[in-house]
């Protein structure tokens, strides 16, 4: 057994080295840069300042606003994607004509480039030429155009709608794989005991696909928390910073204001928060796997 463990670790060394180079080095470099003040005030020359950038972050209202926007966007969009993804997966798991073609078509939104998709949604929500206002006016719901991307609340809603449309197929395909692994005999035995479809879903389907649910949650949370391209294309973080996420703020700090030290500190804190959230989800995933060894109902 010890020889097998040594062989396994030896085989993992190349992969671990690549991960260390791809992930550990950039974060380590960012932490080192965060200890310096390097901006236009220092003529772009690094000046060691310790943890000054982190102390500055505590009083940065724009940072906290962008962090709040990020959590709102991530929480709402991922929740809706999980609910809609489960519904779509349950539908695609049924037997019907051209099921394979429907499954393929349902993945098209996920396959489209985010920047192009974001540009299309920006036109859809355009106040003068957008199809959303046109449909609402034709139905008599509104009389005048709504400036979707010019209102703080509506702009966030528009971003969430665009993100849900694009990434729901990703979650549905993960959940569909879990649904297909459930034996049909379980449902037949449960129905013989007098269970209705909702009881079968709650007592059989949901517990058995919970690992896939948490895996999808893990991936989508990390992606949504670091969202950049969709927000940059649709709103640019506006209006008045109402949709500015942490990624957008970091980009502005580094590329627009050339404040490299503070931007590095923002990267480090955001990375630590993301790691903490992912570790929590991974812990929940491990607990679900352990509890899944017991009885279902």
Protein backbone atom coordinates (compact mmCIF):
# COMPACT_ATOMS: atom_id res chain seq x y z
CA UNK A 1 0.00 0.00 0.00
CA UNK A 2 2.83 2.40 0.79
CA UNK A 3 4.44 1.71 -2.59
CA UNK A 4 1.10 2.42 -4.28
CA UNK A 5 0.79 5.70 -2.40
CA UNK A 6 4.30 6.70 -3.41
CA UNK A 7 3.53 5.87 -7.03
CA UNK A 8 0.29 7.85 -6.89
CA UNK A 9 2.03 10.92 -5.48
CA UNK A 10 4.81 10.59 -8.04
CA UNK A 11 2.20 10.56 -10.81
CA UNK A 12 0.51 13.62 -9.34
CA UNK A 13 3.67 15.71 -9.16
CA UNK A 14 3.44 17.07 -12.76
CA UNK A 15 -0.22 18.05 -12.30
CA UNK A 16 0.48 19.66 -8.94
CA UNK A 17 3.40 21.56 -10.43
CA UNK A 18 1.18 22.92 -13.21
CA UNK A 19 -1.49 23.94 -10.70
CA UNK A 20 1.12 25.63 -8.53
CA UNK A 21 2.42 27.58 -11.52
CA UNK A 22 -1.03 28.52 -12.83
CA UNK A 23 -2.71 29.37 -9.52
CA UNK A 24 -0.25 29.65 -6.65
CA UNK A 25 2.30 31.88 -8.37
CA UNK A 26 -0.18 34.55 -9.58
CA UNK A 27 -1.84 34.75 -6.17
CA UNK A 28 1.52 34.87 -4.42
CA UNK A 29 2.67 37.57 -6.81
CA UNK A 30 -0.54 39.53 -6.23
CA UNK A 31 -0.06 39.34 -2.46
CA UNK A 32 3.50 40.61 -2.79
CA UNK A 33 2.38 43.52 -4.98
CA UNK A 34 -0.40 44.34 -2.51
CA UNK A 35 2.25 45.23 0.07
CA UNK A 36 3.42 48.11 -2.12
CA UNK A 37 1.91 51.40 -3.20
CA UNK A 38 2.32 51.71 -6.94
CA UNK A 39 0.20 54.32 -8.66
CA UNK A 40 0.45 57.69 -10.38
CA UNK A 41 1.23 59.31 -7.02
CA UNK A 42 4.45 57.30 -6.82
CA UNK A 43 5.11 57.75 -10.56
CA UNK A 44 4.33 54.04 -10.98
CA UNK A 45 7.29 53.12 -8.79
CA UNK A 46 6.66 50.48 -6.08
CA UNK A 47 6.94 51.87 -2.56
CA UNK A 48 6.66 49.40 0.32
CA UNK A 49 3.64 50.26 2.46
CA UNK A 50 2.86 47.04 4.33
CA UNK A 51 -0.85 46.45 4.83
CA UNK A 52 -1.87 50.01 3.98
CA UNK A 53 -3.83 48.87 0.93
CA UNK A 54 -5.85 46.44 3.05
CA UNK A 55 -6.60 49.15 5.63
CA UNK A 56 -7.67 51.44 2.81
CA UNK A 57 -10.10 48.78 1.65
CA UNK A 58 -12.03 48.98 4.94
CA UNK A 59 -13.08 52.56 4.19
CA UNK A 60 -13.62 52.12 0.47
CA UNK A 61 -17.37 52.50 -0.04
CA UNK A 62 -17.11 51.67 -3.73
CA UNK A 63 -15.45 48.35 -2.92
CA UNK A 64 -18.20 47.38 -0.47
CA UNK A 65 -20.87 48.43 -2.94
CA UNK A 66 -19.28 46.31 -5.67
CA UNK A 67 -19.01 43.42 -3.23
CA UNK A 68 -22.71 43.75 -2.39
CA UNK A 69 -23.59 43.88 -6.09
CA UNK A 70 -21.53 40.74 -6.66
CA UNK A 71 -23.27 38.83 -3.88
CA UNK A 72 -26.71 39.91 -5.07
CA UNK A 73 -25.97 38.95 -8.66
CA UNK A 74 -24.40 35.64 -7.65
CA UNK A 75 -27.06 34.63 -5.13
CA UNK A 76 -30.11 35.45 -7.24
CA UNK A 77 -28.77 34.16 -10.55
CA UNK A 78 -27.40 30.88 -9.17
CA UNK A 79 -30.63 30.22 -7.25
CA UNK A 80 -32.77 30.78 -10.34
CA UNK A 81 -30.42 28.69 -12.46
CA UNK A 82 -30.64 25.78 -10.02
CA UNK A 83 -34.44 25.88 -9.97
CA UNK A 84 -34.84 26.27 -13.72
CA UNK A 85 -32.01 23.82 -14.40
CA UNK A 86 -33.78 21.17 -12.34
CA UNK A 87 -37.04 21.76 -14.22
CA UNK A 88 -35.30 21.56 -17.60
CA UNK A 89 -33.39 18.44 -16.55
CA UNK A 90 -36.61 16.72 -15.43
CA UNK A 91 -38.20 17.53 -18.80
CA UNK A 92 -35.20 16.36 -20.81
CA UNK A 93 -35.09 13.15 -18.78
CA UNK A 94 -38.50 12.13 -20.11
CA UNK A 95 -38.96 10.04 -23.22
CA UNK A 96 -40.39 12.05 -26.15
CA UNK A 97 -39.93 12.46 -29.88
CA UNK A 98 -36.60 14.04 -30.96
CA UNK A 99 -35.33 14.12 -27.40
CA UNK A 100 -31.71 14.06 -28.56
CA UNK A 101 -32.22 17.07 -30.84
CA UNK A 102 -33.98 19.01 -28.08
CA UNK A 103 -31.11 18.28 -25.68
CA UNK A 104 -28.62 19.54 -28.24
CA UNK A 105 -30.59 22.72 -28.97
CA UNK A 106 -30.98 23.44 -25.26
CA UNK A 107 -27.19 23.73 -24.96
CA UNK A 108 -26.88 26.49 -27.57
CA UNK A 109 -27.10 29.39 -25.06
CA UNK A 110 -24.23 27.90 -23.07
CA UNK A 111 -22.13 27.46 -26.21
CA UNK A 112 -22.48 31.07 -27.34
CA UNK A 113 -19.63 33.47 -26.45
CA UNK A 114 -20.61 35.55 -23.44
CA UNK A 115 -19.52 38.85 -24.97
CA UNK A 116 -21.64 38.34 -28.09
CA UNK A 117 -24.57 37.14 -26.03
CA UNK A 118 -24.24 40.15 -23.73
CA UNK A 119 -24.29 42.51 -26.71
CA UNK A 120 -27.46 40.82 -27.97
CA UNK A 121 -29.15 41.18 -24.58
CA UNK A 122 -28.11 44.82 -24.41
CA UNK A 123 -30.04 45.38 -27.64
CA UNK A 124 -32.97 43.32 -26.35
CA UNK A 125 -33.25 45.60 -23.30
CA UNK A 126 -32.59 48.81 -25.26
CA UNK A 127 -35.14 51.44 -24.25
CA UNK A 128 -35.84 52.65 -27.80
CA UNK A 129 -35.23 49.66 -30.07
CA UNK A 130 -35.38 46.72 -27.66
CA UNK A 131 -37.78 43.85 -28.22
CA UNK A 132 -38.76 43.73 -24.52
CA UNK A 133 -40.33 47.19 -24.59
CA UNK A 134 -41.91 46.46 -27.97
CA UNK A 135 -43.61 43.30 -26.66
CA UNK A 136 -44.78 44.99 -23.47
CA UNK A 137 -46.22 47.91 -25.45
CA UNK A 138 -48.00 45.59 -27.89
CA UNK A 139 -49.55 43.73 -24.95
CA UNK A 140 -50.69 47.04 -23.43
CA UNK A 141 -48.68 46.51 -20.25
CA UNK A 142 -46.69 49.75 -20.61
CA UNK A 143 -47.39 53.00 -22.44
CA UNK A 144 -43.86 54.44 -22.61
CA UNK A 145 -40.48 52.85 -23.03
CA UNK A 146 -38.68 51.57 -19.93
CA UNK A 147 -35.00 52.42 -19.63
CA UNK A 148 -33.97 48.96 -18.44
CA UNK A 149 -30.22 49.53 -18.43
CA UNK A 150 -30.50 53.09 -17.09
CA UNK A 151 -32.29 52.23 -13.87
CA UNK A 152 -30.18 50.72 -11.03
CA UNK A 153 -32.65 47.99 -10.07
CA UNK A 154 -33.80 47.16 -13.59
CA UNK A 155 -30.22 47.01 -14.85
CA UNK A 156 -29.37 44.37 -12.26
CA UNK A 157 -32.51 42.43 -13.20
CA UNK A 158 -31.52 42.59 -16.88
CA UNK A 159 -28.06 41.21 -16.05
CA UNK A 160 -29.54 38.37 -14.02
CA UNK A 161 -32.00 37.48 -16.79
CA UNK A 162 -29.19 37.36 -19.37
CA UNK A 163 -26.98 35.25 -17.12
CA UNK A 164 -29.80 32.84 -16.24
CA UNK A 165 -30.64 32.39 -19.93
CA UNK A 166 -27.05 31.55 -20.77
CA UNK A 167 -26.00 29.30 -17.89
CA UNK A 168 -29.18 27.38 -17.02
CA UNK A 169 -28.37 24.77 -19.73
CA UNK A 170 -25.01 24.13 -18.04
CA UNK A 171 -26.71 23.26 -14.76
CA UNK A 172 -29.44 21.26 -16.46
CA UNK A 173 -26.95 19.00 -18.24
CA UNK A 174 -25.17 18.27 -14.94
CA UNK A 175 -28.45 17.48 -13.21
CA UNK A 176 -29.59 15.40 -16.18
CA UNK A 177 -26.55 13.18 -15.75
CA UNK A 178 -27.56 12.63 -12.13
CA UNK A 179 -31.17 11.88 -13.06
CA UNK A 180 -30.14 9.27 -15.61
CA UNK A 181 -28.15 7.41 -12.95
CA UNK A 182 -31.23 6.82 -10.78
CA UNK A 183 -32.69 3.30 -11.25
CA UNK A 184 -36.29 3.28 -12.48
CA UNK A 185 -37.07 0.47 -10.06
CA UNK A 186 -36.96 2.91 -7.17
CA UNK A 187 -39.81 4.96 -8.61
CA UNK A 188 -41.88 1.86 -9.37
CA UNK A 189 -41.46 0.53 -5.85
CA UNK A 190 -42.26 3.93 -4.39
CA UNK A 191 -45.42 4.28 -6.47
CA UNK A 192 -46.60 0.85 -5.30
CA UNK A 193 -46.39 2.20 -1.76
CA UNK A 194 -48.88 4.90 -2.75
CA UNK A 195 -46.46 7.79 -3.28
CA UNK A 196 -47.42 10.60 -5.67
CA UNK A 197 -44.97 12.22 -8.13
CA UNK A 198 -44.12 15.06 -5.74
CA UNK A 199 -43.29 12.60 -2.96
CA UNK A 200 -41.12 10.59 -5.35
CA UNK A 201 -39.25 13.74 -6.32
CA UNK A 202 -38.75 14.85 -2.72
CA UNK A 203 -37.83 11.44 -1.30
CA UNK A 204 -35.96 9.82 -4.21
CA UNK A 205 -34.90 12.27 -6.93
CA UNK A 206 -33.73 15.16 -4.80
CA UNK A 207 -31.58 13.15 -2.34
CA UNK A 208 -29.91 11.16 -5.14
CA UNK A 209 -29.11 14.18 -7.31
CA UNK A 210 -28.00 16.35 -4.41
CA UNK A 211 -24.29 15.67 -5.13
CA UNK A 212 -24.82 16.92 -8.70
CA UNK A 213 -26.73 19.92 -7.36
CA UNK A 214 -23.83 20.88 -5.11
CA UNK A 215 -21.29 20.32 -7.89
CA UNK A 216 -23.29 22.60 -10.17
CA UNK A 217 -23.56 25.09 -7.32
CA UNK A 218 -19.81 24.94 -6.81
CA UNK A 219 -18.99 25.67 -10.45
CA UNK A 220 -21.67 28.30 -10.96
CA UNK A 221 -20.89 30.15 -7.75
CA UNK A 222 -17.24 30.51 -8.72
CA UNK A 223 -18.15 31.63 -12.25
CA UNK A 224 -20.86 34.07 -11.19
CA UNK A 225 -18.74 35.58 -8.42
CA UNK A 226 -16.03 36.43 -10.94
CA UNK A 227 -18.39 37.67 -13.67
CA UNK A 228 -16.81 40.30 -15.88
CA UNK A 229 -17.54 40.06 -19.60
CA UNK A 230 -21.34 40.06 -19.36
CA UNK A 231 -21.42 43.10 -17.06
CA UNK A 232 -18.75 44.95 -19.05
CA UNK A 233 -20.65 44.53 -22.31
CA UNK A 234 -24.19 45.18 -21.07
CA UNK A 235 -23.80 47.96 -18.48
CA UNK A 236 -20.11 48.60 -17.86
CA UNK A 237 -20.94 48.59 -14.16
CA UNK A 238 -23.51 51.40 -14.45
CA UNK A 239 -25.70 53.19 -13.92
CA UNK A 240 -23.77 54.96 -11.15
CA UNK A 241 -22.05 51.75 -10.10
CA UNK A 242 -25.33 49.91 -9.45
CA UNK A 243 -24.16 46.83 -11.36
CA UNK A 244 -20.43 47.18 -10.78
CA UNK A 245 -19.08 43.83 -9.60
CA UNK A 246 -15.77 43.22 -7.86
CA UNK A 247 -14.16 42.13 -11.12
CA UNK A 248 -15.25 45.33 -12.85
CA UNK A 249 -13.96 47.40 -9.94
CA UNK A 250 -10.59 45.64 -9.97
CA UNK A 251 -10.34 46.17 -13.72
CA UNK A 252 -11.07 49.90 -13.31
CA UNK A 253 -8.61 50.24 -10.44
CA UNK A 254 -5.76 48.65 -12.37
CA UNK A 255 -6.40 49.59 -15.99
CA UNK A 256 -8.10 52.98 -15.64
CA UNK A 257 -6.58 54.46 -12.49
CA UNK A 258 -3.26 52.57 -12.71
CA UNK A 259 -3.38 51.79 -8.98
CA UNK A 260 -1.57 48.47 -9.15
CA UNK A 261 -0.88 47.95 -5.44
CA UNK A 262 -4.47 48.52 -4.38
CA UNK A 263 -5.74 46.44 -7.29
CA UNK A 264 -3.54 43.55 -6.15
CA UNK A 265 -4.97 43.85 -2.63
CA UNK A 266 -8.49 43.68 -4.07
CA UNK A 267 -7.54 40.54 -5.97
CA UNK A 268 -6.17 38.86 -2.84
CA UNK A 269 -9.23 39.63 -0.69
CA UNK A 270 -11.64 38.56 -3.44
CA UNK A 271 -9.69 35.33 -3.92
CA UNK A 272 -9.79 34.55 -0.20
CA UNK A 273 -13.53 35.17 -0.03
CA UNK A 274 -14.10 32.93 -3.03
CA UNK A 275 -11.93 30.17 -1.56
CA UNK A 276 -13.85 30.37 1.73
CA UNK A 277 -17.19 30.07 -0.06
CA UNK A 278 -15.99 27.20 -2.25
CA UNK A 279 -14.59 25.40 0.79
CA UNK A 280 -17.98 25.71 2.50
CA UNK A 281 -19.75 24.26 -0.53
CA UNK A 282 -17.20 21.45 -0.75
CA UNK A 283 -17.79 20.68 2.94
CA UNK A 284 -21.53 20.49 2.32
CA UNK A 285 -20.90 18.23 -0.66
CA UNK A 286 -18.87 15.87 1.52
CA UNK A 287 -21.61 15.82 4.18
CA UNK A 288 -24.26 15.02 1.57
CA UNK A 289 -22.17 12.16 0.22
CA UNK A 290 -21.80 10.73 3.70
CA UNK A 291 -25.49 11.07 4.50
CA UNK A 292 -26.36 9.55 1.14
CA UNK A 293 -25.06 6.20 2.35
CA UNK A 294 -28.14 5.88 4.56
CA UNK A 295 -31.70 5.05 3.58
CA UNK A 296 -33.68 7.30 1.24
CA UNK A 297 -37.12 7.09 2.82
